[in-house]
């Protein structure tokens, strides 16, 4: 499967989609930011800066300062594909974020989402 189209999408576009998904389900932008910070190690200010500057979704993950080692505890399906079985590392990181935002939108508690 060719994932280049996903990798070349702008982070700001994806970010707005993630935030809108959460807001539609009664969650907060700050919760989306908290999830992204937990997963990638970016600060809130860094996330805000990346939404203002052109950066690809691939570069966002490739340049993440500190990917959380507990992300490997994320299990389940996104779009019918088990995230723990995705072989391409970059796509797996992307799907981890998708899975966490799905859990947020379904009303799961933050401590459960963040695997604490």
PDB file of N, CA and C in Angstrom:
ATOM      1  N   UNK A   1       0.839  -1.184   0.000  1.00  0.00           N
ATOM      2  CA  UNK A   1       0.000   0.000   0.000  1.00  0.00           C
ATOM      3  C   UNK A   1       0.887   1.251   0.000  1.00  0.00           C
ATOM      4  N   UNK A   2       0.586   2.196  -0.855  1.00  0.00           N
ATOM      5  CA  UNK A   2       1.346   3.420  -0.952  1.00  0.00           C
ATOM      6  C   UNK A   2       0.756   4.459   0.009  1.00  0.00           C
ATOM      7  N   UNK A   3       1.561   4.846   0.977  1.00  0.00           N
ATOM      8  CA  UNK A   3       1.098   5.782   2.008  1.00  0.00           C
ATOM      9  C   UNK A   3       1.603   7.201   1.786  1.00  0.00           C
ATOM     10  N   UNK A   4       2.258   7.450   0.646  1.00  0.00           N
ATOM     11  CA  UNK A   4       2.853   8.761   0.407  1.00  0.00           C
ATOM     12  C   UNK A   4       1.847   9.900   0.498  1.00  0.00           C
ATOM     13  N   UNK A   5       0.630   9.675   0.035  1.00  0.00           N
ATOM     14  CA  UNK A   5      -0.383  10.730   0.074  1.00  0.00           C
ATOM     15  C   UNK A   5      -0.656  11.162   1.519  1.00  0.00           C
ATOM     16  N   UNK A   6      -0.754  10.203   2.412  1.00  0.00           N
ATOM     17  CA  UNK A   6      -0.981  10.506   3.835  1.00  0.00           C
ATOM     18  C   UNK A   6       0.232  11.234   4.405  1.00  0.00           C
ATOM     19  N   UNK A   7       1.419  10.752   4.081  1.00  0.00           N
ATOM     20  CA  UNK A   7       2.643  11.341   4.624  1.00  0.00           C
ATOM     21  C   UNK A   7       2.837  12.784   4.177  1.00  0.00           C
ATOM     22  N   UNK A   8       2.366  13.111   2.985  1.00  0.00           N
ATOM     23  CA  UNK A   8       2.569  14.454   2.439  1.00  0.00           C
ATOM     24  C   UNK A   8       1.481  15.451   2.847  1.00  0.00           C
ATOM     25  N   UNK A   9       0.436  14.989   3.499  1.00  0.00           N
ATOM     26  CA  UNK A   9      -0.609  15.905   3.969  1.00  0.00           C
ATOM     27  C   UNK A   9      -0.021  16.837   5.020  1.00  0.00           C
ATOM     28  N   UNK A  10      -0.579  18.025   5.117  1.00  0.00           N
ATOM     29  CA  UNK A  10      -0.051  18.980   6.095  1.00  0.00           C
ATOM     30  C   UNK A  10      -0.548  18.610   7.499  1.00  0.00           C
ATOM     31  N   UNK A  11       0.351  18.792   8.457  1.00  0.00           N
ATOM     32  CA  UNK A  11      -0.018  18.518   9.841  1.00  0.00           C
ATOM     33  C   UNK A  11      -1.180  19.396  10.266  1.00  0.00           C
ATOM     34  N   UNK A  12      -1.177  20.666   9.849  1.00  0.00           N
ATOM     35  CA  UNK A  12      -2.241  21.578  10.287  1.00  0.00           C
ATOM     36  C   UNK A  12      -3.610  21.103   9.816  1.00  0.00           C
ATOM     37  N   UNK A  13      -3.682  20.523   8.630  1.00  0.00           N
ATOM     38  CA  UNK A  13      -4.956  19.999   8.128  1.00  0.00           C
ATOM     39  C   UNK A  13      -5.418  18.800   8.966  1.00  0.00           C
ATOM     40  N   UNK A  14      -4.511  17.879   9.211  1.00  0.00           N
ATOM     41  CA  UNK A  14      -4.843  16.699  10.019  1.00  0.00           C
ATOM     42  C   UNK A  14      -5.215  17.118  11.437  1.00  0.00           C
ATOM     43  N   UNK A  15      -4.448  18.046  11.995  1.00  0.00           N
ATOM     44  CA  UNK A  15      -4.712  18.520  13.353  1.00  0.00           C
ATOM     45  C   UNK A  15      -6.122  19.082  13.472  1.00  0.00           C
ATOM     46  N   UNK A  16      -6.528  19.891  12.506  1.00  0.00           N
ATOM     47  CA  UNK A  16      -7.878  20.468  12.570  1.00  0.00           C
ATOM     48  C   UNK A  16      -8.944  19.377  12.479  1.00  0.00           C
ATOM     49  N   UNK A  17      -8.688  18.332  11.693  1.00  0.00           N
ATOM     50  CA  UNK A  17      -9.632  17.214  11.618  1.00  0.00           C
ATOM     51  C   UNK A  17      -9.716  16.467  12.952  1.00  0.00           C
ATOM     52  N   UNK A  18      -8.584  16.272  13.597  1.00  0.00           N
ATOM     53  CA  UNK A  18      -8.572  15.580  14.891  1.00  0.00           C
ATOM     54  C   UNK A  18      -9.316  16.396  15.954  1.00  0.00           C
ATOM     55  N   UNK A  19      -9.059  17.695  15.977  1.00  0.00           N
ATOM     56  CA  UNK A  19      -9.720  18.570  16.953  1.00  0.00           C
ATOM     57  C   UNK A  19     -11.227  18.604  16.690  1.00  0.00           C
ATOM     58  N   UNK A  20     -11.618  18.742  15.441  1.00  0.00           N
ATOM     59  CA  UNK A  20     -13.048  18.776  15.114  1.00  0.00           C
ATOM     60  C   UNK A  20     -13.751  17.485  15.496  1.00  0.00           C
ATOM     61  N   UNK A  21     -13.089  16.351  15.299  1.00  0.00           N
ATOM     62  CA  UNK A  21     -13.681  15.075  15.686  1.00  0.00           C
ATOM     63  C   UNK A  21     -13.942  15.042  17.188  1.00  0.00           C
ATOM     64  N   UNK A  22     -12.984  15.512  17.957  1.00  0.00           N
ATOM     65  CA  UNK A  22     -13.142  15.541  19.412  1.00  0.00           C
ATOM     66  C   UNK A  22     -14.235  16.512  19.832  1.00  0.00           C
ATOM     67  N   UNK A  23     -14.241  17.705  19.241  1.00  0.00           N
ATOM     68  CA  UNK A  23     -15.235  18.713  19.608  1.00  0.00           C
ATOM     69  C   UNK A  23     -16.656  18.244  19.314  1.00  0.00           C
ATOM     70  N   UNK A  24     -16.845  17.548  18.205  1.00  0.00           N
ATOM     71  CA  UNK A  24     -18.179  17.050  17.847  1.00  0.00           C
ATOM     72  C   UNK A  24     -18.711  16.055  18.876  1.00  0.00           C
ATOM     73  N   UNK A  25     -17.799  15.412  19.589  1.00  0.00           N
ATOM     74  CA  UNK A  25     -18.199  14.432  20.598  1.00  0.00           C
ATOM     75  C   UNK A  25     -18.143  15.001  22.016  1.00  0.00           C
ATOM     76  N   UNK A  26     -18.063  16.330  22.118  1.00  0.00           N
ATOM     77  CA  UNK A  26     -18.109  16.969  23.428  1.00  0.00           C
ATOM     78  C   UNK A  26     -16.787  16.987  24.173  1.00  0.00           C
ATOM     79  N   UNK A  27     -15.698  16.714  23.497  1.00  0.00           N
ATOM     80  CA  UNK A  27     -14.387  16.766  24.137  1.00  0.00           C
ATOM     81  C   UNK A  27     -13.728  18.101  23.818  1.00  0.00           C
ATOM     82  N   UNK A  28     -12.529  18.323  24.339  1.00  0.00           N
ATOM     83  CA  UNK A  28     -11.867  19.623  24.243  1.00  0.00           C
ATOM     84  C   UNK A  28     -10.598  19.561  23.390  1.00  0.00           C
ATOM     85  N   UNK A  29     -10.258  20.688  22.775  1.00  0.00           N
ATOM     86  CA  UNK A  29      -9.011  20.811  22.020  1.00  0.00           C
ATOM     87  C   UNK A  29      -7.813  20.498  22.920  1.00  0.00           C
ATOM     88  N   UNK A  30      -7.883  20.948  24.170  1.00  0.00           N
ATOM     89  CA  UNK A  30      -6.794  20.714  25.115  1.00  0.00           C
ATOM     90  C   UNK A  30      -6.551  19.220  25.338  1.00  0.00           C
ATOM     91  N   UNK A  31      -7.610  18.416  25.272  1.00  0.00           N
ATOM     92  CA  UNK A  31      -7.450  16.973  25.423  1.00  0.00           C
ATOM     93  C   UNK A  31      -6.718  16.382  24.219  1.00  0.00           C
ATOM     94  N   UNK A  32      -7.025  16.881  23.029  1.00  0.00           N
ATOM     95  CA  UNK A  32      -6.308  16.441  21.826  1.00  0.00           C
ATOM     96  C   UNK A  32      -4.836  16.808  21.967  1.00  0.00           C
ATOM     97  N   UNK A  33      -4.553  18.028  22.400  1.00  0.00           N
ATOM     98  CA  UNK A  33      -3.172  18.460  22.594  1.00  0.00           C
ATOM     99  C   UNK A  33      -2.457  17.589  23.626  1.00  0.00           C
ATOM    100  N   UNK A  34      -3.145  17.267  24.698  1.00  0.00           N
ATOM    101  CA  UNK A  34      -2.543  16.426  25.733  1.00  0.00           C
ATOM    102  C   UNK A  34      -2.172  15.057  25.171  1.00  0.00           C
ATOM    103  N   UNK A  35      -3.034  14.497  24.360  1.00  0.00           N
ATOM    104  CA  UNK A  35      -2.753  13.202  23.731  1.00  0.00           C
ATOM    105  C   UNK A  35      -1.543  13.309  22.814  1.00  0.00           C
ATOM    106  N   UNK A  36      -1.503  14.350  21.991  1.00  0.00           N
ATOM    107  CA  UNK A  36      -0.380  14.521  21.070  1.00  0.00           C
ATOM    108  C   UNK A  36       0.924  14.716  21.843  1.00  0.00           C
ATOM    109  N   UNK A  37       0.885  15.516  22.901  1.00  0.00           N
ATOM    110  CA  UNK A  37       2.079  15.725  23.734  1.00  0.00           C
ATOM    111  C   UNK A  37       2.541  14.409  24.352  1.00  0.00           C
ATOM    112  N   UNK A  38       1.612  13.638  24.876  1.00  0.00           N
ATOM    113  CA  UNK A  38       1.945  12.353  25.494  1.00  0.00           C
ATOM    114  C   UNK A  38       2.584  11.420  24.468  1.00  0.00           C
ATOM    115  N   UNK A  39       2.012  11.353  23.290  1.00  0.00           N
ATOM    116  CA  UNK A  39       2.489  10.415  22.269  1.00  0.00           C
ATOM    117  C   UNK A  39       3.839  10.828  21.701  1.00  0.00           C
ATOM    118  N   UNK A  40       4.022  12.117  21.419  1.00  0.00           N
ATOM    119  CA  UNK A  40       5.181  12.561  20.647  1.00  0.00           C
ATOM    120  C   UNK A  40       6.280  13.270  21.438  1.00  0.00           C
ATOM    121  N   UNK A  41       5.932  13.822  22.580  1.00  0.00           N
ATOM    122  CA  UNK A  41       6.901  14.590  23.341  1.00  0.00           C
ATOM    123  C   UNK A  41       6.948  16.061  22.969  1.00  0.00           C
ATOM    124  N   UNK A  42       6.141  16.475  21.986  1.00  0.00           N
ATOM    125  CA  UNK A  42       6.059  17.899  21.651  1.00  0.00           C
ATOM    126  C   UNK A  42       5.383  18.648  22.794  1.00  0.00           C
ATOM    127  N   UNK A  43       5.730  19.928  22.954  1.00  0.00           N
ATOM    128  CA  UNK A  43       5.049  20.781  23.925  1.00  0.00           C
ATOM    129  C   UNK A  43       3.814  21.390  23.269  1.00  0.00           C
ATOM    130  N   UNK A  44       2.955  21.976  24.073  1.00  0.00           N
ATOM    131  CA  UNK A  44       1.765  22.654  23.540  1.00  0.00           C
ATOM    132  C   UNK A  44       2.167  23.787  22.600  1.00  0.00           C
ATOM    133  N   UNK A  45       3.205  24.520  22.979  1.00  0.00           N
ATOM    134  CA  UNK A  45       3.676  25.629  22.138  1.00  0.00           C
ATOM    135  C   UNK A  45       4.211  25.116  20.803  1.00  0.00           C
ATOM    136  N   UNK A  46       4.916  24.003  20.833  1.00  0.00           N
ATOM    137  CA  UNK A  46       5.436  23.434  19.583  1.00  0.00           C
ATOM    138  C   UNK A  46       4.302  22.983  18.664  1.00  0.00           C
ATOM    139  N   UNK A  47       3.266  22.403  19.240  1.00  0.00           N
ATOM    140  CA  UNK A  47       2.111  21.987  18.438  1.00  0.00           C
ATOM    141  C   UNK A  47       1.460  23.203  17.794  1.00  0.00           C
ATOM    142  N   UNK A  48       1.253  24.250  18.597  1.00  0.00           N
ATOM    143  CA  UNK A  48       0.666  25.483  18.061  1.00  0.00           C
ATOM    144  C   UNK A  48       1.512  26.046  16.921  1.00  0.00           C
ATOM    145  N   UNK A  49       2.841  26.045  17.089  1.00  0.00           N
ATOM    146  CA  UNK A  49       3.730  26.570  16.047  1.00  0.00           C
ATOM    147  C   UNK A  49       3.628  25.740  14.767  1.00  0.00           C
ATOM    148  N   UNK A  50       3.509  24.440  14.907  1.00  0.00           N
ATOM    149  CA  UNK A  50       3.424  23.573  13.720  1.00  0.00           C
ATOM    150  C   UNK A  50       2.096  23.713  12.985  1.00  0.00           C
ATOM    151  N   UNK A  51       1.068  24.161  13.677  1.00  0.00           N
ATOM    152  CA  UNK A  51      -0.193  24.397  12.978  1.00  0.00           C
ATOM    153  C   UNK A  51      -0.134  25.676  12.157  1.00  0.00           C
ATOM    154  N   UNK A  52       0.826  26.552  12.465  1.00  0.00           N
ATOM    155  CA  UNK A  52       0.991  27.812  11.751  1.00  0.00           C
ATOM    156  C   UNK A  52       2.004  27.714  10.608  1.00  0.00           C
ATOM    157  N   UNK A  53       2.866  26.716  10.655  1.00  0.00           N
ATOM    158  CA  UNK A  53       3.929  26.566   9.658  1.00  0.00           C
ATOM    159  C   UNK A  53       3.694  25.312   8.823  1.00  0.00           C
ATOM    160  N   UNK A  54       4.116  25.353   7.574  1.00  0.00           N
ATOM    161  CA  UNK A  54       3.929  24.161   6.737  1.00  0.00           C
ATOM    162  C   UNK A  54       4.873  23.030   7.152  1.00  0.00           C
ATOM    163  N   UNK A  55       4.298  21.938   7.602  1.00  0.00           N
ATOM    164  CA  UNK A  55       5.059  20.739   7.941  1.00  0.00           C
ATOM    165  C   UNK A  55       4.204  19.548   7.529  1.00  0.00           C
ATOM    166  N   UNK A  56       4.828  18.567   6.939  1.00  0.00           N
ATOM    167  CA  UNK A  56       4.065  17.388   6.518  1.00  0.00           C
ATOM    168  C   UNK A  56       3.773  16.515   7.730  1.00  0.00           C
ATOM    169  N   UNK A  57       2.778  15.664   7.557  1.00  0.00           N
ATOM    170  CA  UNK A  57       2.420  14.740   8.625  1.00  0.00           C
ATOM    171  C   UNK A  57       3.582  13.790   8.908  1.00  0.00           C
ATOM    172  N   UNK A  58       4.283  13.376   7.861  1.00  0.00           N
ATOM    173  CA  UNK A  58       5.447  12.508   8.044  1.00  0.00           C
ATOM    174  C   UNK A  58       6.521  13.218   8.858  1.00  0.00           C
ATOM    175  N   UNK A  59       6.836  14.454   8.501  1.00  0.00           N
ATOM    176  CA  UNK A  59       7.868  15.209   9.218  1.00  0.00           C
ATOM    177  C   UNK A  59       7.477  15.432  10.673  1.00  0.00           C
ATOM    178  N   UNK A  60       6.191  15.638  10.918  1.00  0.00           N
ATOM    179  CA  UNK A  60       5.710  15.810  12.286  1.00  0.00           C
ATOM    180  C   UNK A  60       6.125  14.613  13.149  1.00  0.00           C
ATOM    181  N   UNK A  61       5.902  13.403  12.651  1.00  0.00           N
ATOM    182  CA  UNK A  61       6.249  12.211  13.420  1.00  0.00           C
ATOM    183  C   UNK A  61       7.745  11.920  13.394  1.00  0.00           C
ATOM    184  N   UNK A  62       8.384  12.141  12.250  1.00  0.00           N
ATOM    185  CA  UNK A  62       9.819  11.862  12.141  1.00  0.00           C
ATOM    186  C   UNK A  62      10.645  12.764  13.044  1.00  0.00           C
ATOM    187  N   UNK A  63      10.172  13.974  13.298  1.00  0.00           N
ATOM    188  CA  UNK A  63      10.901  14.930  14.124  1.00  0.00           C
ATOM    189  C   UNK A  63      10.417  14.972  15.572  1.00  0.00           C
ATOM    190  N   UNK A  64       9.521  14.072  15.935  1.00  0.00           N
ATOM    191  CA  UNK A  64       8.987  14.059  17.302  1.00  0.00           C
ATOM    192  C   UNK A  64      10.137  13.903  18.296  1.00  0.00           C
ATOM    193  N   UNK A  65      10.170  14.762  19.317  1.00  0.00           N
ATOM    194  CA  UNK A  65      11.304  14.750  20.240  1.00  0.00           C
ATOM    195  C   UNK A  65      11.396  13.525  21.147  1.00  0.00           C
ATOM    196  N   UNK A  66      10.264  12.921  21.489  1.00  0.00           N
ATOM    197  CA  UNK A  66      10.323  11.827  22.463  1.00  0.00           C
ATOM    198  C   UNK A  66       9.067  10.964  22.348  1.00  0.00           C
ATOM    199  N   UNK A  67       9.061  10.047  21.407  1.00  0.00           N
ATOM    200  CA  UNK A  67       7.911   9.152  21.270  1.00  0.00           C
ATOM    201  C   UNK A  67       7.771   8.332  22.554  1.00  0.00           C
ATOM    202  N   UNK A  68       6.574   8.318  23.099  1.00  0.00           N
ATOM    203  CA  UNK A  68       6.310   7.654  24.372  1.00  0.00           C
ATOM    204  C   UNK A  68       6.467   6.143  24.221  1.00  0.00           C
ATOM    205  N   UNK A  69       7.297   5.515  25.058  1.00  0.00           N
ATOM    206  CA  UNK A  69       7.470   4.065  24.946  1.00  0.00           C
ATOM    207  C   UNK A  69       6.185   3.285  25.248  1.00  0.00           C
ATOM    208  N   UNK A  70       5.273   3.882  26.016  1.00  0.00           N
ATOM    209  CA  UNK A  70       4.014   3.208  26.329  1.00  0.00           C
ATOM    210  C   UNK A  70       3.042   3.171  25.155  1.00  0.00           C
ATOM    211  N   UNK A  71       3.392   3.810  24.047  1.00  0.00           N
ATOM    212  CA  UNK A  71       2.524   3.761  22.861  1.00  0.00           C
ATOM    213  C   UNK A  71       2.387   2.330  22.358  1.00  0.00           C
ATOM    214  N   UNK A  72       3.334   1.485  22.683  1.00  0.00           N
ATOM    215  CA  UNK A  72       3.267   0.085  22.259  1.00  0.00           C
ATOM    216  C   UNK A  72       2.140  -0.664  22.982  1.00  0.00           C
ATOM    217  N   UNK A  73       1.585  -0.050  24.031  1.00  0.00           N
ATOM    218  CA  UNK A  73       0.450  -0.643  24.746  1.00  0.00           C
ATOM    219  C   UNK A  73      -0.873  -0.379  24.027  1.00  0.00           C
ATOM    220  N   UNK A  74      -0.852   0.463  23.006  1.00  0.00           N
ATOM    221  CA  UNK A  74      -2.066   0.797  22.275  1.00  0.00           C
ATOM    222  C   UNK A  74      -2.431  -0.384  21.387  1.00  0.00           C
ATOM    223  N   UNK A  75      -3.619  -0.894  21.589  1.00  0.00           N
ATOM    224  CA  UNK A  75      -4.114  -2.053  20.835  1.00  0.00           C
ATOM    225  C   UNK A  75      -5.479  -1.710  20.259  1.00  0.00           C
ATOM    226  N   UNK A  76      -5.882  -2.451  19.254  1.00  0.00           N
ATOM    227  CA  UNK A  76      -7.211  -2.262  18.694  1.00  0.00           C
ATOM    228  C   UNK A  76      -7.155  -1.955  17.212  1.00  0.00           C
ATOM    229  N   UNK A  77      -8.324  -1.612  16.677  1.00  0.00           N
ATOM    230  CA  UNK A  77      -8.408  -1.400  15.241  1.00  0.00           C
ATOM    231  C   UNK A  77      -8.733   0.049  14.889  1.00  0.00           C
ATOM    232  N   UNK A  78      -8.183   0.458  13.760  1.00  0.00           N
ATOM    233  CA  UNK A  78      -8.500   1.735  13.135  1.00  0.00           C
ATOM    234  C   UNK A  78      -8.734   1.409  11.673  1.00  0.00           C
ATOM    235  N   UNK A  79      -9.904   1.755  11.183  1.00  0.00           N
ATOM    236  CA  UNK A  79     -10.272   1.452   9.788  1.00  0.00           C
ATOM    237  C   UNK A  79     -10.142  -0.046   9.495  1.00  0.00           C
ATOM    238  N   UNK A  80     -10.475  -0.860  10.474  1.00  0.00           N
ATOM    239  CA  UNK A  80     -10.463  -2.305  10.294  1.00  0.00           C
ATOM    240  C   UNK A  80      -9.085  -2.947  10.337  1.00  0.00           C
ATOM    241  N   UNK A  81      -8.056  -2.174  10.676  1.00  0.00           N
ATOM    242  CA  UNK A  81      -6.691  -2.698  10.724  1.00  0.00           C
ATOM    243  C   UNK A  81      -6.192  -2.616  12.163  1.00  0.00           C
ATOM    244  N   UNK A  82      -5.641  -3.714  12.663  1.00  0.00           N
ATOM    245  CA  UNK A  82      -5.109  -3.731  14.022  1.00  0.00           C
ATOM    246  C   UNK A  82      -3.827  -2.912  14.070  1.00  0.00           C
ATOM    247  N   UNK A  83      -3.788  -1.902  14.934  1.00  0.00           N
ATOM    248  CA  UNK A  83      -2.638  -0.994  14.981  1.00  0.00           C
ATOM    249  C   UNK A  83      -1.360  -1.711  15.390  1.00  0.00           C
ATOM    250  N   UNK A  84      -1.474  -2.706  16.235  1.00  0.00           N
ATOM    251  CA  UNK A  84      -0.280  -3.415  16.697  1.00  0.00           C
ATOM    252  C   UNK A  84       0.320  -4.313  15.618  1.00  0.00           C
ATOM    253  N   UNK A  85      -0.400  -4.546  14.532  1.00  0.00           N
ATOM    254  CA  UNK A  85       0.090  -5.407  13.458  1.00  0.00           C
ATOM    255  C   UNK A  85       0.584  -4.628  12.232  1.00  0.00           C
ATOM    256  N   UNK A  86       0.520  -3.314  12.270  1.00  0.00           N
ATOM    257  CA  UNK A  86       0.995  -2.510  11.141  1.00  0.00           C
ATOM    258  C   UNK A  86       2.516  -2.611  11.092  1.00  0.00           C
ATOM    259  N   UNK A  87       3.026  -3.006   9.930  1.00  0.00           N
ATOM    260  CA  UNK A  87       4.457  -3.258   9.809  1.00  0.00           C
ATOM    261  C   UNK A  87       5.275  -2.007   9.512  1.00  0.00           C
ATOM    262  N   UNK A  88       4.719  -1.048   8.798  1.00  0.00           N
ATOM    263  CA  UNK A  88       5.464   0.160   8.464  1.00  0.00           C
ATOM    264  C   UNK A  88       5.487   1.084   9.688  1.00  0.00           C
ATOM    265  N   UNK A  89       6.672   1.361  10.252  1.00  0.00           N
ATOM    266  CA  UNK A  89       6.757   2.116  11.509  1.00  0.00           C
ATOM    267  C   UNK A  89       6.075   3.485  11.473  1.00  0.00           C
ATOM    268  N   UNK A  90       6.273   4.259  10.422  1.00  0.00           N
ATOM    269  CA  UNK A  90       5.663   5.588  10.367  1.00  0.00           C
ATOM    270  C   UNK A  90       4.145   5.503  10.337  1.00  0.00           C
ATOM    271  N   UNK A  91       3.603   4.601   9.546  1.00  0.00           N
ATOM    272  CA  UNK A  91       2.152   4.443   9.490  1.00  0.00           C
ATOM    273  C   UNK A  91       1.617   3.955  10.828  1.00  0.00           C
ATOM    274  N   UNK A  92       2.367   3.122  11.515  1.00  0.00           N
ATOM    275  CA  UNK A  92       1.935   2.658  12.829  1.00  0.00           C
ATOM    276  C   UNK A  92       1.837   3.835  13.807  1.00  0.00           C
ATOM    277  N   UNK A  93       2.815   4.746  13.769  1.00  0.00           N
ATOM    278  CA  UNK A  93       2.765   5.924  14.651  1.00  0.00           C
ATOM    279  C   UNK A  93       1.526   6.763  14.342  1.00  0.00           C
ATOM    280  N   UNK A  94       1.244   6.956  13.066  1.00  0.00           N
ATOM    281  CA  UNK A  94       0.065   7.725  12.653  1.00  0.00           C
ATOM    282  C   UNK A  94      -1.205   7.063  13.162  1.00  0.00           C
ATOM    283  N   UNK A  95      -1.288   5.759  13.021  1.00  0.00           N
ATOM    284  CA  UNK A  95      -2.482   5.030  13.461  1.00  0.00           C
ATOM    285  C   UNK A  95      -2.605   4.991  14.975  1.00  0.00           C
ATOM    286  N   UNK A  96      -1.484   5.030  15.688  1.00  0.00           N
ATOM    287  CA  UNK A  96      -1.568   5.143  17.147  1.00  0.00           C
ATOM    288  C   UNK A  96      -2.322   6.423  17.520  1.00  0.00           C
ATOM    289  N   UNK A  97      -1.961   7.525  16.883  1.00  0.00           N
ATOM    290  CA  UNK A  97      -2.649   8.788  17.169  1.00  0.00           C
ATOM    291  C   UNK A  97      -4.121   8.700  16.796  1.00  0.00           C
ATOM    292  N   UNK A  98      -4.411   8.119  15.643  1.00  0.00           N
ATOM    293  CA  UNK A  98      -5.813   7.943  15.239  1.00  0.00           C
ATOM    294  C   UNK A  98      -6.586   7.151  16.289  1.00  0.00           C
ATOM    295  N   UNK A  99      -5.994   6.087  16.780  1.00  0.00           N
ATOM    296  CA  UNK A  99      -6.656   5.237  17.773  1.00  0.00           C
ATOM    297  C   UNK A  99      -6.921   6.002  19.068  1.00  0.00           C
ATOM    298  N   UNK A 100      -5.946   6.787  19.510  1.00  0.00           N
ATOM    299  CA  UNK A 100      -6.126   7.556  20.741  1.00  0.00           C
ATOM    300  C   UNK A 100      -7.237   8.594  20.593  1.00  0.00           C
ATOM    301  N   UNK A 101      -7.304   9.252  19.443  1.00  0.00           N
ATOM    302  CA  UNK A 101      -8.361  10.241  19.218  1.00  0.00           C
ATOM    303  C   UNK A 101      -9.715   9.542  19.114  1.00  0.00           C
ATOM    304  N   UNK A 102      -9.760   8.361  18.526  1.00  0.00           N
ATOM    305  CA  UNK A 102     -11.003   7.579  18.496  1.00  0.00           C
ATOM    306  C   UNK A 102     -11.474   7.276  19.915  1.00  0.00           C
ATOM    307  N   UNK A 103     -10.548   6.876  20.778  1.00  0.00           N
ATOM    308  CA  UNK A 103     -10.897   6.583  22.165  1.00  0.00           C
ATOM    309  C   UNK A 103     -11.416   7.836  22.867  1.00  0.00           C
ATOM    310  N   UNK A 104     -10.791   8.962  22.618  1.00  0.00           N
ATOM    311  CA  UNK A 104     -11.247  10.232  23.188  1.00  0.00           C
ATOM    312  C   UNK A 104     -12.671  10.532  22.726  1.00  0.00           C
ATOM    313  N   UNK A 105     -12.920  10.401  21.439  1.00  0.00           N
ATOM    314  CA  UNK A 105     -14.243  10.697  20.878  1.00  0.00           C
ATOM    315  C   UNK A 105     -15.313   9.748  21.411  1.00  0.00           C
ATOM    316  N   UNK A 106     -14.923   8.544  21.781  1.00  0.00           N
ATOM    317  CA  UNK A 106     -15.891   7.581  22.324  1.00  0.00           C
ATOM    318  C   UNK A 106     -16.129   7.781  23.821  1.00  0.00           C
ATOM    319  N   UNK A 107     -15.461   8.767  24.420  1.00  0.00           N
ATOM    320  CA  UNK A 107     -15.729   9.094  25.808  1.00  0.00           C
ATOM    321  C   UNK A 107     -14.840   8.408  26.826  1.00  0.00           C
ATOM    322  N   UNK A 108     -13.797   7.759  26.386  1.00  0.00           N
ATOM    323  CA  UNK A 108     -12.907   7.081  27.301  1.00  0.00           C
ATOM    324  C   UNK A 108     -12.198   8.110  28.186  1.00  0.00           C
ATOM    325  N   UNK A 109     -11.918   7.753  29.420  1.00  0.00           N
ATOM    326  CA  UNK A 109     -11.236   8.638  30.363  1.00  0.00           C
ATOM    327  C   UNK A 109      -9.777   8.854  29.943  1.00  0.00           C
ATOM    328  N   UNK A 110      -9.263  10.062  30.185  1.00  0.00           N
ATOM    329  CA  UNK A 110      -7.904  10.389  29.767  1.00  0.00           C
ATOM    330  C   UNK A 110      -6.850   9.468  30.363  1.00  0.00           C
ATOM    331  N   UNK A 111      -6.997   9.066  31.635  1.00  0.00           N
ATOM    332  CA  UNK A 111      -5.992   8.184  32.216  1.00  0.00           C
ATOM    333  C   UNK A 111      -5.949   6.832  31.508  1.00  0.00           C
ATOM    334  N   UNK A 112      -7.071   6.386  30.992  1.00  0.00           N
ATOM    335  CA  UNK A 112      -7.111   5.138  30.216  1.00  0.00           C
ATOM    336  C   UNK A 112      -6.499   5.350  28.838  1.00  0.00           C
ATOM    337  N   UNK A 113      -6.817   6.489  28.207  1.00  0.00           N
ATOM    338  CA  UNK A 113      -6.276   6.797  26.890  1.00  0.00           C
ATOM    339  C   UNK A 113      -4.758   6.886  26.943  1.00  0.00           C
ATOM    340  N   UNK A 114      -4.237   7.519  27.994  1.00  0.00           N
ATOM    341  CA  UNK A 114      -2.804   7.736  28.106  1.00  0.00           C
ATOM    342  C   UNK A 114      -2.074   6.567  28.768  1.00  0.00           C
ATOM    343  N   UNK A 115      -2.783   5.496  28.950  1.00  0.00           N
ATOM    344  CA  UNK A 115      -2.185   4.250  29.460  1.00  0.00           C
ATOM    345  C   UNK A 115      -1.427   4.474  30.763  1.00  0.00           C
ATOM    346  N   UNK A 116      -2.087   5.208  31.710  1.00  0.00           N
ATOM    347  CA  UNK A 116      -1.445   5.448  33.008  1.00  0.00           C
ATOM    348  C   UNK A 116      -2.014   4.536  34.067  1.00  0.00           C
TER     349      UNK A 116
END
